[in-house]
Amino acid sequence: MLTSQASFGISLERERYVQNVEAPTYLFVSKSDEVTYIQNARELKEKIKNLVEYVEIEGLNHKEILWDERVVSKINEFLC
């Protein structure tokens, strides 16, 4: 089971939640993310039943990925 311990000691059971998501899901992750480890993302993607797209991006930190042109473009494509 995928769990994450925050510095204040709370465990999150992501697996249980993502299995219940009915909406199409896009997962963009960075191999250089200092907050979310890439292996956790790889395991999580296997649990998402409506995964439309999974993209691993090189060289971006946790915040930079939100502004990456590939991510923004895909979000705009979905919304428009």
PDB file of N, CA and C in Angstrom:
ATOM      1  N   MET A   1       0.840  -1.184   0.000  1.00  0.00           N
ATOM      2  CA  MET A   1       0.000   0.000   0.000  1.00  0.00           C
ATOM      3  C   MET A   1       0.879   1.239   0.000  1.00  0.00           C
ATOM      4  N   LEU A   2       0.524   2.202  -0.807  1.00  0.00           N
ATOM      5  CA  LEU A   2       1.267   3.450  -0.876  1.00  0.00           C
ATOM      6  C   LEU A   2       0.873   4.343   0.287  1.00  0.00           C
ATOM      7  N   THR A   3       1.848   4.756   1.050  1.00  0.00           N
ATOM      8  CA  THR A   3       1.578   5.710   2.122  1.00  0.00           C
ATOM      9  C   THR A   3       2.666   6.754   2.121  1.00  0.00           C
ATOM     10  N   SER A   4       2.328   7.898   2.622  1.00  0.00           N
ATOM     11  CA  SER A   4       3.298   8.979   2.708  1.00  0.00           C
ATOM     12  C   SER A   4       3.229   9.563   4.104  1.00  0.00           C
ATOM     13  N   GLN A   5       4.350   9.691   4.754  1.00  0.00           N
ATOM     14  CA  GLN A   5       4.403  10.278   6.080  1.00  0.00           C
ATOM     15  C   GLN A   5       4.847  11.720   5.960  1.00  0.00           C
ATOM     16  N   ALA A   6       3.990  12.609   6.305  1.00  0.00           N
ATOM     17  CA  ALA A   6       4.364  14.021   6.332  1.00  0.00           C
ATOM     18  C   ALA A   6       5.221  14.258   7.567  1.00  0.00           C
ATOM     19  N   SER A   7       5.897  15.387   7.611  1.00  0.00           N
ATOM     20  CA  SER A   7       6.792  15.656   8.727  1.00  0.00           C
ATOM     21  C   SER A   7       6.051  15.720  10.054  1.00  0.00           C
ATOM     22  N   PHE A   8       4.751  15.970  10.012  1.00  0.00           N
ATOM     23  CA  PHE A   8       3.983  16.017  11.252  1.00  0.00           C
ATOM     24  C   PHE A   8       3.325  14.675  11.567  1.00  0.00           C
ATOM     25  N   GLY A   9       3.697  13.595  10.827  1.00  0.00           N
ATOM     26  CA  GLY A   9       3.309  12.248  11.196  1.00  0.00           C
ATOM     27  C   GLY A   9       1.965  11.746  10.715  1.00  0.00           C
ATOM     28  N   ILE A  10       1.340  12.382   9.755  1.00  0.00           N
ATOM     29  CA  ILE A  10       0.052  11.920   9.247  1.00  0.00           C
ATOM     30  C   ILE A  10       0.282  11.024   8.044  1.00  0.00           C
ATOM     31  N   SER A  11      -0.347   9.857   8.035  1.00  0.00           N
ATOM     32  CA  SER A  11      -0.220   8.921   6.928  1.00  0.00           C
ATOM     33  C   SER A  11      -1.399   9.101   5.974  1.00  0.00           C
ATOM     34  N   LEU A  12      -1.109   9.155   4.666  1.00  0.00           N
ATOM     35  CA  LEU A  12      -2.159   9.303   3.657  1.00  0.00           C
ATOM     36  C   LEU A  12      -2.285   8.003   2.879  1.00  0.00           C
ATOM     37  N   GLU A  13      -3.481   7.478   2.753  1.00  0.00           N
ATOM     38  CA  GLU A  13      -3.713   6.257   1.996  1.00  0.00           C
ATOM     39  C   GLU A  13      -4.251   6.628   0.623  1.00  0.00           C
ATOM     40  N   ARG A  14      -3.352   6.966  -0.269  1.00  0.00           N
ATOM     41  CA  ARG A  14      -3.736   7.431  -1.605  1.00  0.00           C
ATOM     42  C   ARG A  14      -4.435   6.354  -2.422  1.00  0.00           C
ATOM     43  N   GLU A  15      -3.989   5.145  -2.271  1.00  0.00           N
ATOM     44  CA  GLU A  15      -4.527   4.033  -3.048  1.00  0.00           C
ATOM     45  C   GLU A  15      -6.045   3.964  -2.961  1.00  0.00           C
ATOM     46  N   ARG A  16      -6.544   4.045  -1.772  1.00  0.00           N
ATOM     47  CA  ARG A  16      -7.982   3.938  -1.523  1.00  0.00           C
ATOM     48  C   ARG A  16      -8.747   5.046  -2.241  1.00  0.00           C
ATOM     49  N   TYR A  17      -8.181   6.221  -2.312  1.00  0.00           N
ATOM     50  CA  TYR A  17      -8.876   7.348  -2.914  1.00  0.00           C
ATOM     51  C   TYR A  17      -8.829   7.317  -4.439  1.00  0.00           C
ATOM     52  N   VAL A  18      -7.680   7.042  -5.010  1.00  0.00           N
ATOM     53  CA  VAL A  18      -7.565   7.084  -6.473  1.00  0.00           C
ATOM     54  C   VAL A  18      -8.360   5.984  -7.147  1.00  0.00           C
ATOM     55  N   GLN A  19      -8.586   4.885  -6.478  1.00  0.00           N
ATOM     56  CA  GLN A  19      -9.371   3.801  -7.057  1.00  0.00           C
ATOM     57  C   GLN A  19     -10.835   4.176  -7.212  1.00  0.00           C
ATOM     58  N   ASN A  20     -11.274   5.204  -6.505  1.00  0.00           N
ATOM     59  CA  ASN A  20     -12.668   5.637  -6.560  1.00  0.00           C
ATOM     60  C   ASN A  20     -12.904   6.838  -7.465  1.00  0.00           C
ATOM     61  N   VAL A  21     -11.871   7.360  -8.075  1.00  0.00           N
ATOM     62  CA  VAL A  21     -12.014   8.515  -8.963  1.00  0.00           C
ATOM     63  C   VAL A  21     -12.618   8.056 -10.286  1.00  0.00           C
ATOM     64  N   GLU A  22     -13.735   8.646 -10.651  1.00  0.00           N
ATOM     65  CA  GLU A  22     -14.436   8.277 -11.887  1.00  0.00           C
ATOM     66  C   GLU A  22     -14.013   9.142 -13.078  1.00  0.00           C
ATOM     67  N   ALA A  23     -13.470  10.303 -12.813  1.00  0.00           N
ATOM     68  CA  ALA A  23     -13.107  11.249 -13.875  1.00  0.00           C
ATOM     69  C   ALA A  23     -11.837  10.797 -14.596  1.00  0.00           C
ATOM     70  N   PRO A  24     -11.710  11.176 -15.868  1.00  0.00           N
ATOM     71  CA  PRO A  24     -10.444  10.929 -16.577  1.00  0.00           C
ATOM     72  C   PRO A  24      -9.301  11.596 -15.801  1.00  0.00           C
ATOM     73  N   THR A  25      -8.212  10.893 -15.657  1.00  0.00           N
ATOM     74  CA  THR A  25      -7.123  11.374 -14.804  1.00  0.00           C
ATOM     75  C   THR A  25      -5.820  11.473 -15.587  1.00  0.00           C
ATOM     76  N   TYR A  26      -5.138  12.596 -15.413  1.00  0.00           N
ATOM     77  CA  TYR A  26      -3.829  12.849 -16.010  1.00  0.00           C
ATOM     78  C   TYR A  26      -2.839  12.941 -14.859  1.00  0.00           C
ATOM     79  N   LEU A  27      -1.717  12.264 -14.987  1.00  0.00           N
ATOM     80  CA  LEU A  27      -0.707  12.286 -13.935  1.00  0.00           C
ATOM     81  C   LEU A  27       0.623  12.720 -14.538  1.00  0.00           C
ATOM     82  N   PHE A  28       1.080  13.895 -14.137  1.00  0.00           N
ATOM     83  CA  PHE A  28       2.360  14.441 -14.578  1.00  0.00           C
ATOM     84  C   PHE A  28       3.300  14.427 -13.386  1.00  0.00           C
ATOM     85  N   VAL A  29       4.452  13.823 -13.549  1.00  0.00           N
ATOM     86  CA  VAL A  29       5.405  13.705 -12.451  1.00  0.00           C
ATOM     87  C   VAL A  29       6.799  14.074 -12.929  1.00  0.00           C
ATOM     88  N   SER A  30       7.607  14.518 -11.994  1.00  0.00           N
ATOM     89  CA  SER A  30       8.994  14.845 -12.318  1.00  0.00           C
ATOM     90  C   SER A  30       9.919  13.839 -11.651  1.00  0.00           C
ATOM     91  N   LYS A  31      10.882  13.374 -12.397  1.00  0.00           N
ATOM     92  CA  LYS A  31      11.874  12.459 -11.850  1.00  0.00           C
ATOM     93  C   LYS A  31      12.747  13.150 -10.805  1.00  0.00           C
ATOM     94  N   SER A  32      12.759  14.482 -10.823  1.00  0.00           N
ATOM     95  CA  SER A  32      13.577  15.267  -9.901  1.00  0.00           C
ATOM     96  C   SER A  32      12.776  15.870  -8.751  1.00  0.00           C
ATOM     97  N   ASP A  33      11.523  15.461  -8.607  1.00  0.00           N
ATOM     98  CA  ASP A  33      10.654  16.008  -7.558  1.00  0.00           C
ATOM     99  C   ASP A  33      11.230  15.681  -6.187  1.00  0.00           C
ATOM    100  N   GLU A  34      11.408  16.701  -5.370  1.00  0.00           N
ATOM    101  CA  GLU A  34      11.983  16.525  -4.045  1.00  0.00           C
ATOM    102  C   GLU A  34      10.917  16.250  -2.982  1.00  0.00           C
ATOM    103  N   VAL A  35       9.639  16.310  -3.363  1.00  0.00           N
ATOM    104  CA  VAL A  35       8.540  16.081  -2.424  1.00  0.00           C
ATOM    105  C   VAL A  35       7.874  14.726  -2.662  1.00  0.00           C
ATOM    106  N   THR A  36       7.586  14.427  -3.912  1.00  0.00           N
ATOM    107  CA  THR A  36       6.924  13.175  -4.282  1.00  0.00           C
ATOM    108  C   THR A  36       7.935  12.306  -5.029  1.00  0.00           C
ATOM    109  N   TYR A  37       8.284  11.197  -4.452  1.00  0.00           N
ATOM    110  CA  TYR A  37       9.276  10.326  -5.072  1.00  0.00           C
ATOM    111  C   TYR A  37       8.697   9.650  -6.315  1.00  0.00           C
ATOM    112  N   ILE A  38       9.510   9.536  -7.354  1.00  0.00           N
ATOM    113  CA  ILE A  38       9.076   8.994  -8.636  1.00  0.00           C
ATOM    114  C   ILE A  38       8.548   7.563  -8.502  1.00  0.00           C
ATOM    115  N   GLN A  39       9.143   6.777  -7.639  1.00  0.00           N
ATOM    116  CA  GLN A  39       8.666   5.401  -7.466  1.00  0.00           C
ATOM    117  C   GLN A  39       7.247   5.366  -6.910  1.00  0.00           C
ATOM    118  N   ASN A  40       6.921   6.303  -6.012  1.00  0.00           N
ATOM    119  CA  ASN A  40       5.553   6.382  -5.496  1.00  0.00           C
ATOM    120  C   ASN A  40       4.579   6.711  -6.616  1.00  0.00           C
ATOM    121  N   ALA A  41       4.961   7.612  -7.498  1.00  0.00           N
ATOM    122  CA  ALA A  41       4.104   7.979  -8.629  1.00  0.00           C
ATOM    123  C   ALA A  41       3.917   6.797  -9.568  1.00  0.00           C
ATOM    124  N   ARG A  42       4.966   6.066  -9.812  1.00  0.00           N
ATOM    125  CA  ARG A  42       4.886   4.895 -10.694  1.00  0.00           C
ATOM    126  C   ARG A  42       3.948   3.837 -10.121  1.00  0.00           C
ATOM    127  N   GLU A  43       3.997   3.645  -8.826  1.00  0.00           N
ATOM    128  CA  GLU A  43       3.098   2.687  -8.185  1.00  0.00           C
ATOM    129  C   GLU A  43       1.667   3.207  -8.171  1.00  0.00           C
ATOM    130  N   LEU A  44       1.520   4.493  -7.924  1.00  0.00           N
ATOM    131  CA  LEU A  44       0.189   5.099  -7.877  1.00  0.00           C
ATOM    132  C   LEU A  44      -0.517   5.003  -9.221  1.00  0.00           C
ATOM    133  N   LYS A  45       0.209   5.192 -10.305  1.00  0.00           N
ATOM    134  CA  LYS A  45      -0.411   5.160 -11.638  1.00  0.00           C
ATOM    135  C   LYS A  45      -1.086   3.825 -11.919  1.00  0.00           C
ATOM    136  N   GLU A  46      -0.575   2.756 -11.332  1.00  0.00           N
ATOM    137  CA  GLU A  46      -1.156   1.434 -11.531  1.00  0.00           C
ATOM    138  C   GLU A  46      -2.512   1.295 -10.851  1.00  0.00           C
ATOM    139  N   LYS A  47      -2.811   2.164  -9.915  1.00  0.00           N
ATOM    140  CA  LYS A  47      -4.058   2.098  -9.149  1.00  0.00           C
ATOM    141  C   LYS A  47      -5.159   2.992  -9.725  1.00  0.00           C
ATOM    142  N   ILE A  48      -4.811   3.877 -10.649  1.00  0.00           N
ATOM    143  CA  ILE A  48      -5.782   4.829 -11.202  1.00  0.00           C
ATOM    144  C   ILE A  48      -6.534   4.152 -12.334  1.00  0.00           C
ATOM    145  N   LYS A  49      -7.837   3.935 -12.145  1.00  0.00           N
ATOM    146  CA  LYS A  49      -8.598   3.163 -13.133  1.00  0.00           C
ATOM    147  C   LYS A  49      -8.920   3.951 -14.396  1.00  0.00           C
ATOM    148  N   ASN A  50      -8.995   5.252 -14.329  1.00  0.00           N
ATOM    149  CA  ASN A  50      -9.319   6.072 -15.502  1.00  0.00           C
ATOM    150  C   ASN A  50      -8.131   6.926 -15.931  1.00  0.00           C
ATOM    151  N   LEU A  51      -6.944   6.339 -15.884  1.00  0.00           N
ATOM    152  CA  LEU A  51      -5.737   7.076 -16.262  1.00  0.00           C
ATOM    153  C   LEU A  51      -5.717   7.291 -17.774  1.00  0.00           C
ATOM    154  N   VAL A  52      -5.751   8.548 -18.163  1.00  0.00           N
ATOM    155  CA  VAL A  52      -5.713   8.921 -19.576  1.00  0.00           C
ATOM    156  C   VAL A  52      -4.276   9.072 -20.032  1.00  0.00           C
ATOM    157  N   GLU A  53      -3.478   9.707 -19.187  1.00  0.00           N
ATOM    158  CA  GLU A  53      -2.091   9.965 -19.577  1.00  0.00           C
ATOM    159  C   GLU A  53      -1.199  10.028 -18.347  1.00  0.00           C
ATOM    160  N   TYR A  54      -0.027   9.418 -18.476  1.00  0.00           N
ATOM    161  CA  TYR A  54       1.007   9.459 -17.441  1.00  0.00           C
ATOM    162  C   TYR A  54       2.277   9.943 -18.108  1.00  0.00           C
ATOM    163  N   VAL A  55       2.860  11.027 -17.572  1.00  0.00           N
ATOM    164  CA  VAL A  55       4.060  11.604 -18.176  1.00  0.00           C
ATOM    165  C   VAL A  55       5.109  11.837 -17.091  1.00  0.00           C
ATOM    166  N   GLU A  56       6.308  11.305 -17.327  1.00  0.00           N
ATOM    167  CA  GLU A  56       7.450  11.578 -16.462  1.00  0.00           C
ATOM    168  C   GLU A  56       8.306  12.632 -17.137  1.00  0.00           C
ATOM    169  N   ILE A  57       8.603  13.690 -16.406  1.00  0.00           N
ATOM    170  CA  ILE A  57       9.372  14.805 -16.943  1.00  0.00           C
ATOM    171  C   ILE A  57      10.693  14.904 -16.186  1.00  0.00           C
ATOM    172  N   GLU A  58      11.747  15.199 -16.900  1.00  0.00           N
ATOM    173  CA  GLU A  58      13.093  15.326 -16.319  1.00  0.00           C
ATOM    174  C   GLU A  58      13.363  16.745 -15.825  1.00  0.00           C
ATOM    175  N   GLY A  59      14.097  16.854 -14.722  1.00  0.00           N
ATOM    176  CA  GLY A  59      14.730  18.100 -14.318  1.00  0.00           C
ATOM    177  C   GLY A  59      13.861  19.196 -13.731  1.00  0.00           C
ATOM    178  N   LEU A  60      12.657  18.897 -13.284  1.00  0.00           N
ATOM    179  CA  LEU A  60      11.817  19.926 -12.677  1.00  0.00           C
ATOM    180  C   LEU A  60      11.553  19.581 -11.223  1.00  0.00           C
ATOM    181  N   ASN A  61      11.456  20.618 -10.388  1.00  0.00           N
ATOM    182  CA  ASN A  61      11.122  20.346  -8.995  1.00  0.00           C
ATOM    183  C   ASN A  61       9.601  20.286  -8.826  1.00  0.00           C
ATOM    184  N   HIS A  62       9.154  20.132  -7.604  1.00  0.00           N
ATOM    185  CA  HIS A  62       7.739  19.921  -7.312  1.00  0.00           C
ATOM    186  C   HIS A  62       6.857  21.078  -7.800  1.00  0.00           C
ATOM    187  N   LYS A  63       7.329  22.291  -7.678  1.00  0.00           N
ATOM    188  CA  LYS A  63       6.542  23.456  -8.092  1.00  0.00           C
ATOM    189  C   LYS A  63       6.696  23.773  -9.580  1.00  0.00           C
ATOM    190  N   GLU A  64       7.875  23.557 -10.119  1.00  0.00           N
ATOM    191  CA  GLU A  64       8.134  23.882 -11.526  1.00  0.00           C
ATOM    192  C   GLU A  64       7.268  23.081 -12.490  1.00  0.00           C
ATOM    193  N   ILE A  65       6.909  21.871 -12.111  1.00  0.00           N
ATOM    194  CA  ILE A  65       6.140  21.025 -13.023  1.00  0.00           C
ATOM    195  C   ILE A  65       4.784  21.642 -13.355  1.00  0.00           C
ATOM    196  N   LEU A  66       4.248  22.437 -12.439  1.00  0.00           N
ATOM    197  CA  LEU A  66       2.951  23.082 -12.672  1.00  0.00           C
ATOM    198  C   LEU A  66       3.004  24.106 -13.800  1.00  0.00           C
ATOM    199  N   TRP A  67       4.194  24.605 -14.098  1.00  0.00           N
ATOM    200  CA  TRP A  67       4.348  25.645 -15.117  1.00  0.00           C
ATOM    201  C   TRP A  67       5.046  25.143 -16.373  1.00  0.00           C
ATOM    202  N   ASP A  68       5.347  23.873 -16.416  1.00  0.00           N
ATOM    203  CA  ASP A  68       5.990  23.291 -17.583  1.00  0.00           C
ATOM    204  C   ASP A  68       5.047  23.374 -18.790  1.00  0.00           C
ATOM    205  N   GLU A  69       5.571  23.767 -19.931  1.00  0.00           N
ATOM    206  CA  GLU A  69       4.752  23.969 -21.130  1.00  0.00           C
ATOM    207  C   GLU A  69       3.987  22.712 -21.540  1.00  0.00           C
ATOM    208  N   ARG A  70       4.608  21.552 -21.412  1.00  0.00           N
ATOM    209  CA  ARG A  70       3.917  20.295 -21.771  1.00  0.00           C
ATOM    210  C   ARG A  70       2.715  20.041 -20.878  1.00  0.00           C
ATOM    211  N   VAL A  71       2.865  20.326 -19.602  1.00  0.00           N
ATOM    212  CA  VAL A  71       1.772  20.121 -18.651  1.00  0.00           C
ATOM    213  C   VAL A  71       0.666  21.143 -18.903  1.00  0.00           C
ATOM    214  N   VAL A  72       1.035  22.401 -19.019  1.00  0.00           N
ATOM    215  CA  VAL A  72       0.056  23.464 -19.260  1.00  0.00           C
ATOM    216  C   VAL A  72      -0.694  23.222 -20.567  1.00  0.00           C
ATOM    217  N   SER A  73       0.017  22.821 -21.591  1.00  0.00           N
ATOM    218  CA  SER A  73      -0.603  22.554 -22.888  1.00  0.00           C
ATOM    219  C   SER A  73      -1.631  21.429 -22.794  1.00  0.00           C
ATOM    220  N   LYS A  74      -1.290  20.364 -22.087  1.00  0.00           N
ATOM    221  CA  LYS A  74      -2.200  19.222 -21.940  1.00  0.00           C
ATOM    222  C   LYS A  74      -3.427  19.610 -21.116  1.00  0.00           C
ATOM    223  N   ILE A  75      -3.247  20.415 -20.094  1.00  0.00           N
ATOM    224  CA  ILE A  75      -4.374  20.883 -19.292  1.00  0.00           C
ATOM    225  C   ILE A  75      -5.289  21.758 -20.131  1.00  0.00           C
ATOM    226  N   ASN A  76      -4.711  22.677 -20.900  1.00  0.00           N
ATOM    227  CA  ASN A  76      -5.515  23.535 -21.773  1.00  0.00           C
ATOM    228  C   ASN A  76      -6.265  22.720 -22.826  1.00  0.00           C
ATOM    229  N   GLU A  77      -5.611  21.710 -23.364  1.00  0.00           N
ATOM    230  CA  GLU A  77      -6.234  20.843 -24.359  1.00  0.00           C
ATOM    231  C   GLU A  77      -7.468  20.152 -23.762  1.00  0.00           C
ATOM    232  N   PHE A  78      -7.338  19.710 -22.529  1.00  0.00           N
ATOM    233  CA  PHE A  78      -8.447  19.031 -21.860  1.00  0.00           C
ATOM    234  C   PHE A  78      -9.587  20.004 -21.550  1.00  0.00           C
ATOM    235  N   LEU A  79      -9.257  21.205 -21.091  1.00  0.00           N
ATOM    236  CA  LEU A  79     -10.267  22.173 -20.682  1.00  0.00           C
ATOM    237  C   LEU A  79     -10.991  22.846 -21.847  1.00  0.00           C
ATOM    238  N   CYS A  80     -10.327  22.949 -22.969  1.00  0.00           N
ATOM    239  CA  CYS A  80     -10.925  23.689 -24.103  1.00  0.00           C
ATOM    240  C   CYS A  80     -11.654  22.819 -25.061  1.00  0.00           C
TER     241      CYS A  80
END
